[in-house]
Protein backbone atom coordinates (compact mmCIF):
# COMPACT_ATOMS: atom_id res chain seq x y z
CA MET A 1 -10.45 11.97 -22.93
CA ALA A 2 -11.02 14.34 -25.82
CA PHE A 3 -9.66 17.75 -24.88
CA ALA A 4 -11.52 20.78 -26.20
CA ASN A 5 -9.76 23.34 -28.41
CA LEU A 6 -6.26 22.42 -27.29
CA GLY A 7 -4.95 23.34 -30.70
CA LYS A 8 -5.51 27.05 -29.92
CA ASP A 9 -2.64 27.30 -27.45
CA ARG A 10 -1.01 30.72 -27.20
CA VAL A 11 2.18 31.88 -25.52
CA ARG A 12 1.91 35.06 -23.49
CA SER A 13 3.92 36.91 -20.93
CA LEU A 14 1.66 36.84 -17.88
CA PRO A 15 1.96 38.59 -14.51
CA LEU A 16 2.87 36.04 -11.87
CA ASN A 17 0.42 37.62 -9.43
CA GLN A 18 -2.45 36.71 -11.77
CA ILE A 19 -1.59 33.00 -11.83
CA MET A 20 -3.25 30.74 -9.24
CA VAL A 21 -2.05 27.29 -8.27
CA ASN A 22 -3.95 24.25 -9.53
CA PRO A 23 -5.96 22.59 -6.73
CA ALA A 24 -5.42 19.28 -8.58
CA GLN A 25 -1.63 19.69 -8.44
CA PRO A 26 -0.33 16.25 -7.37
CA ARG A 27 2.99 17.58 -6.08
CA THR A 28 2.70 18.38 -2.38
CA ARG A 29 6.36 19.12 -1.59
CA PHE A 30 8.74 21.65 -3.09
CA GLU A 31 12.28 21.17 -1.81
CA GLU A 32 14.02 24.46 -1.16
CA ASP A 33 17.40 23.27 -2.47
CA SER A 34 15.81 22.02 -5.68
CA LEU A 35 13.98 25.33 -6.21
CA GLN A 36 17.21 27.27 -5.65
CA GLN A 37 18.99 25.13 -8.25
CA LEU A 38 16.16 25.69 -10.73
CA ALA A 39 16.26 29.43 -10.05
CA GLN A 40 20.02 29.51 -10.70
CA SER A 41 19.50 27.62 -13.98
CA ILE A 42 16.80 30.07 -15.07
CA ALA A 43 19.02 33.02 -14.12
CA VAL A 44 21.83 31.66 -16.32
CA ASN A 45 19.93 30.05 -19.20
CA GLY A 46 16.52 31.67 -19.10
CA LEU A 47 13.22 29.80 -18.83
CA LEU A 48 13.51 27.07 -21.47
CA GLN A 49 9.91 25.87 -21.20
CA PRO A 50 6.91 28.13 -20.60
CA VAL A 51 4.43 27.19 -17.90
CA THR A 52 0.95 26.06 -18.92
CA VAL A 53 -2.18 27.78 -17.66
CA ARG A 54 -5.91 28.00 -18.34
CA GLU A 55 -8.10 31.08 -18.17
CA ALA A 56 -9.98 31.22 -14.87
CA GLY A 57 -11.82 34.53 -15.23
CA PRO A 58 -11.04 38.10 -16.27
CA GLY A 59 -7.34 38.71 -15.64
CA LYS A 60 -6.99 35.38 -13.79
CA TYR A 61 -5.23 32.17 -14.77
CA GLN A 62 -4.89 28.77 -13.19
CA LEU A 63 -1.75 26.69 -13.50
CA VAL A 64 -1.97 23.43 -15.39
CA ALA A 65 1.76 22.67 -15.20
CA GLY A 66 4.84 24.53 -14.01
CA GLU A 67 4.39 25.47 -10.36
CA ARG A 68 8.10 24.87 -9.65
CA ARG A 69 9.03 27.20 -12.52
CA CYS A 70 6.69 29.88 -11.12
CA ARG A 71 8.18 29.53 -7.65
CA ALA A 72 11.73 29.71 -9.02
CA CYS A 73 10.92 32.87 -11.01
CA LEU A 74 9.42 34.46 -7.91
CA LEU A 75 12.66 33.68 -6.05
CA LEU A 76 14.50 35.62 -8.76
CA GLY A 77 12.16 38.57 -8.35
CA HIS A 78 10.50 38.16 -11.75
CA THR A 79 7.10 39.77 -12.17
CA HIS A 80 6.12 38.02 -15.44
CA ILE A 81 6.55 34.54 -16.89
CA PRO A 82 6.10 33.06 -20.39
CA ALA A 83 2.96 30.92 -20.39
CA ILE A 84 1.04 28.75 -22.80
CA VAL A 85 -2.65 29.50 -22.38
CA LYS A 86 -4.78 26.44 -23.01
CA SER A 87 -8.49 26.52 -23.57
CA CYS A 88 -9.64 23.61 -21.41
CA THR A 89 -12.09 22.71 -18.69
CA MET A 90 -11.23 22.23 -15.03
CA GLN A 91 -11.41 18.45 -15.42
CA GLU A 92 -9.12 18.53 -18.45
CA SER A 93 -6.77 20.79 -16.51
CA ALA A 94 -6.67 18.33 -13.62
CA VAL A 95 -5.88 15.43 -15.93
CA LEU A 96 -3.19 17.43 -17.79
CA ALA A 97 -1.58 18.47 -14.49
CA LEU A 98 -1.46 14.87 -13.33
CA ILE A 99 -0.13 13.56 -16.65
CA GLU A 100 2.57 16.24 -16.74
CA ASN A 101 3.72 15.37 -13.23
CA LEU A 102 3.49 11.60 -13.68
CA GLN A 103 5.97 11.95 -16.54
CA ARG A 104 8.49 13.56 -14.20
CA GLN A 105 10.77 11.13 -12.37
CA ASP A 106 11.19 13.44 -9.36
CA LEU A 107 7.53 13.18 -8.33
CA ASP A 108 7.49 10.71 -5.45
CA VAL A 109 5.27 7.65 -5.53
CA PHE A 110 2.89 8.92 -2.84
CA ASP A 111 2.28 12.24 -4.59
CA GLN A 112 1.48 10.21 -7.71
CA ALA A 113 -0.93 7.98 -5.80
CA GLU A 114 -2.60 10.89 -3.99
CA GLY A 115 -3.01 12.78 -7.26
CA ILE A 116 -4.71 9.79 -8.87
CA SER A 117 -6.90 9.27 -5.81
CA ARG A 118 -8.02 12.92 -5.84
CA LEU A 119 -8.77 12.72 -9.54
CA ILE A 120 -10.95 9.63 -9.01
CA GLY A 121 -12.71 11.03 -5.95
CA TYR A 122 -13.27 14.57 -7.20
CA TRP A 123 -14.64 13.61 -10.60
CA GLY A 124 -16.43 10.44 -9.49
CA ILE A 125 -14.77 8.17 -12.05
CA THR A 126 -13.71 4.54 -11.76
CA GLN A 127 -10.15 3.25 -11.62
CA GLU A 128 -10.63 1.88 -15.12
CA GLU A 129 -11.72 5.30 -16.44
CA ALA A 130 -8.83 7.03 -14.66
CA ALA A 131 -6.33 4.56 -16.09
CA SER A 132 -7.69 5.20 -19.57
CA LYS A 133 -7.46 9.00 -19.18
CA LEU A 134 -3.91 8.82 -17.82
CA GLY A 135 -2.66 6.28 -20.34
CA LEU A 136 -1.86 3.70 -17.66
CA ALA A 137 -2.64 0.01 -17.43
CA GLN A 138 -5.38 -0.54 -14.84
CA SER A 139 -3.10 -2.86 -12.83
CA THR A 140 -0.39 -0.15 -12.79
CA LEU A 141 -2.85 2.42 -11.49
CA ALA A 142 -4.25 -0.01 -8.87
CA ASN A 143 -0.73 -0.77 -7.61
CA LYS A 144 -0.02 2.95 -7.19
CA LEU A 145 -3.23 3.46 -5.21
CA ARG A 146 -2.45 0.49 -2.93
CA LEU A 147 0.54 2.42 -1.58
CA LEU A 148 -1.86 4.78 0.22
CA ARG A 149 -2.70 1.89 2.57
CA LEU A 150 0.74 2.26 4.14
CA PRO A 151 0.71 4.24 7.43
CA ALA A 152 1.89 7.86 7.34
CA SER A 153 4.98 6.97 9.39
CA VAL A 154 6.08 4.43 6.78
CA GLN A 155 5.26 6.77 3.90
CA GLU A 156 7.38 9.52 5.45
CA LEU A 157 10.44 7.29 5.78
CA MET A 158 10.00 6.11 2.21
CA ARG A 159 9.81 9.73 1.02
CA GLN A 160 12.87 10.78 2.99
CA ASN A 161 14.95 7.91 1.65
CA GLY A 162 13.67 7.94 -1.92
CA LEU A 163 12.35 4.38 -1.86
CA ALA A 164 10.63 3.04 -4.96
CA GLU A 165 7.06 1.95 -5.51
CA ARG A 166 8.09 -1.72 -5.38
CA HIS A 167 9.62 -1.15 -1.93
CA GLY A 168 6.18 -0.02 -0.78
CA ARG A 169 4.38 -2.94 -2.40
CA ALA A 170 6.71 -5.34 -0.59
CA LEU A 171 6.04 -3.60 2.75
CA LEU A 172 2.29 -4.03 2.22
CA LYS A 173 2.75 -7.78 2.68
CA LEU A 174 3.57 -7.27 6.37
CA PRO A 175 0.62 -7.55 8.79
CA ASP A 176 0.62 -4.24 10.66
CA GLU A 177 2.18 -0.80 11.09
CA ALA A 178 4.72 -1.95 13.69
CA ALA A 179 6.10 -4.64 11.40
CA GLN A 180 6.10 -2.30 8.38
CA LEU A 181 7.82 0.50 10.29
CA ALA A 182 10.53 -1.81 11.67
CA ALA A 183 11.11 -3.27 8.20
CA VAL A 184 11.33 0.08 6.40
CA LYS A 185 13.84 1.35 8.98
CA THR A 186 16.05 -1.67 8.28
CA ILE A 187 15.64 -1.26 4.52
CA CYS A 188 16.67 2.40 4.74
CA LYS A 189 19.55 1.75 7.13
CA LYS A 190 21.01 -0.93 4.88
CA SER A 191 20.17 0.92 1.64
CA MET A 192 18.47 -2.18 0.27
CA THR A 193 17.62 -2.46 -3.40
CA VAL A 194 14.09 -3.50 -4.35
CA SER A 195 15.21 -7.11 -4.81
CA GLN A 196 17.01 -7.16 -1.45
CA ALA A 197 13.99 -5.61 0.30
CA GLU A 198 11.64 -8.18 -1.23
CA GLN A 199 13.87 -11.05 -0.09
CA TYR A 200 14.19 -9.51 3.39
CA ILE A 201 10.40 -9.21 3.78
CA GLU A 202 9.86 -12.77 2.54
CA THR A 203 12.31 -13.90 5.24
CA LEU A 204 10.36 -11.95 7.89
CA LEU A 205 7.11 -13.53 6.76
CA ALA A 206 8.62 -17.02 6.87
CA ARG A 207 9.84 -16.41 10.45
CA GLN A 208 6.41 -15.20 11.53
CA LYS A 209 4.82 -18.29 10.05
CA MET A 210 7.21 -20.55 11.96
CA LYS A 211 6.53 -18.72 15.23
CA LYS A 212 2.77 -18.86 14.85
CA PRO A 213 1.50 -20.60 18.01
CA THR A 214 -0.37 -23.85 17.68
CA ARG A 215 -3.97 -23.44 18.72
CA LEU A 216 -4.74 -25.68 21.69
CA PHE A 217 -8.09 -27.42 21.93
CA ILE A 218 -9.55 -26.94 25.40
CA CYS A 219 -12.55 -28.96 26.45
CA LYS A 220 -14.34 -28.13 29.69
CA ASP A 221 -16.61 -31.18 29.61
CA ILE A 222 -14.79 -34.46 30.47
CA ARG A 223 -17.71 -36.44 29.09
CA LEU A 224 -16.49 -35.76 25.56
CA PHE A 225 -13.26 -37.63 26.28
CA MET A 226 -14.99 -40.45 28.18
CA ASN A 227 -17.37 -41.01 25.26
CA THR A 228 -14.37 -41.20 22.94
CA ILE A 229 -12.76 -43.88 25.13
CA ASP A 230 -16.04 -45.84 25.35
CA LYS A 231 -16.33 -45.81 21.56
CA ALA A 232 -12.76 -47.09 21.24
CA VAL A 233 -13.44 -49.94 23.68
CA LYS A 234 -16.63 -50.86 21.82
CA THR A 235 -14.79 -50.84 18.48
CA MET A 236 -12.19 -53.28 19.86
CA ALA A 237 -14.91 -55.52 21.31
CA ASP A 238 -16.80 -55.53 18.00
CA ALA A 239 -13.57 -56.57 16.31
CA GLY A 240 -13.34 -59.70 18.50
CA LEU A 241 -10.99 -58.57 21.23
CA ALA A 242 -12.02 -59.58 24.76
CA VAL A 243 -11.37 -56.11 26.09
CA GLN A 244 -12.39 -55.23 29.65
CA SER A 245 -12.98 -51.72 30.98
CA VAL A 246 -13.66 -50.65 34.57
CA ARG A 247 -14.43 -47.04 35.54
CA GLU A 248 -14.43 -45.74 39.13
CA ASP A 249 -15.34 -42.27 40.31
CA GLN A 250 -12.70 -41.21 42.85
CA GLY A 251 -14.23 -37.84 43.67
CA GLU A 252 -11.72 -35.41 42.19
CA PHE A 253 -10.90 -37.71 39.28
CA ILE A 254 -12.12 -40.75 37.39
CA GLU A 255 -9.98 -43.88 37.44
CA LEU A 256 -10.25 -45.96 34.29
CA THR A 257 -8.63 -49.37 33.79
CA ILE A 258 -8.68 -51.13 30.42
CA ARG A 259 -7.30 -54.64 29.79
CA ILE A 260 -6.65 -55.57 26.18
CA PRO A 261 -5.42 -59.12 25.33
CA LYS A 262 -2.43 -59.30 22.99
CA GLU A 263 -3.95 -62.10 20.92
CA PRO A 264 -7.44 -62.23 19.38
CA GLY A 265 -9.71 -64.64 21.28
CA GLN A 266 -7.49 -64.55 24.39
CA ARG A 267 -9.39 -63.59 27.54
CA PRO A 268 -7.91 -61.69 30.46
CA THR A 269 -6.87 -63.95 33.34
CA ALA A 270 -8.42 -61.70 35.93
CA LYS A 271 -10.70 -58.69 36.22
CA PRO A 272 -9.15 -55.30 36.54
CA ALA A 273 -8.82 -54.19 40.12
């Protein structure tokens, strides 16, 4: 994407009450402990990196990047914050916000995926176009989006335990939520690495395959089986065996007697009873 006039960035001291959050912000959680640590760092060292905003009307600005820094400054009672003012459109702002957060390792995999999904849905672009704008391989972007297929219960456990994207991709191999939830609980309890989790899930899949019940063929029409027997008797007779077959209807069942000589050309010594 070609961004308009981004070379005209300016640093200003802006009132915090004039800065609005970015609706395209991919980060959905702000841990209190982490914000307190950031606030302490700012109190000691100052704000080392200004936030980034765009103009959103007279006396109004919208965050592009830096919501955690704004929150930390508010905790310290600051009324103003250094900000780089970018001249960009809303779409450019959304892309910049997502890129800035994707480059941060503390953004969890589901916030990344949800941010990408919102970008695609809101702007009506394809996965290929989104990958190009974000500087990602299309397969990388597709793998991130696949994580959103995991149930909320599984996503929450992954978030709480800091599991990686590849943990989630391994869990997607399991057939349903119950299996995925049971597996992720075990993975978290045993603090499995990605490799260990992948091996564990492959073992689960192998067990399920072994336990898969054999499908039984049920026929409600006995004539199918009788026709099969008749064909077998005819085949033996056509091959030169003096086979004899007698069928008697006994009411609740059919009694069938077949005499087959052991040697070709040999005839039975007596008829079947």
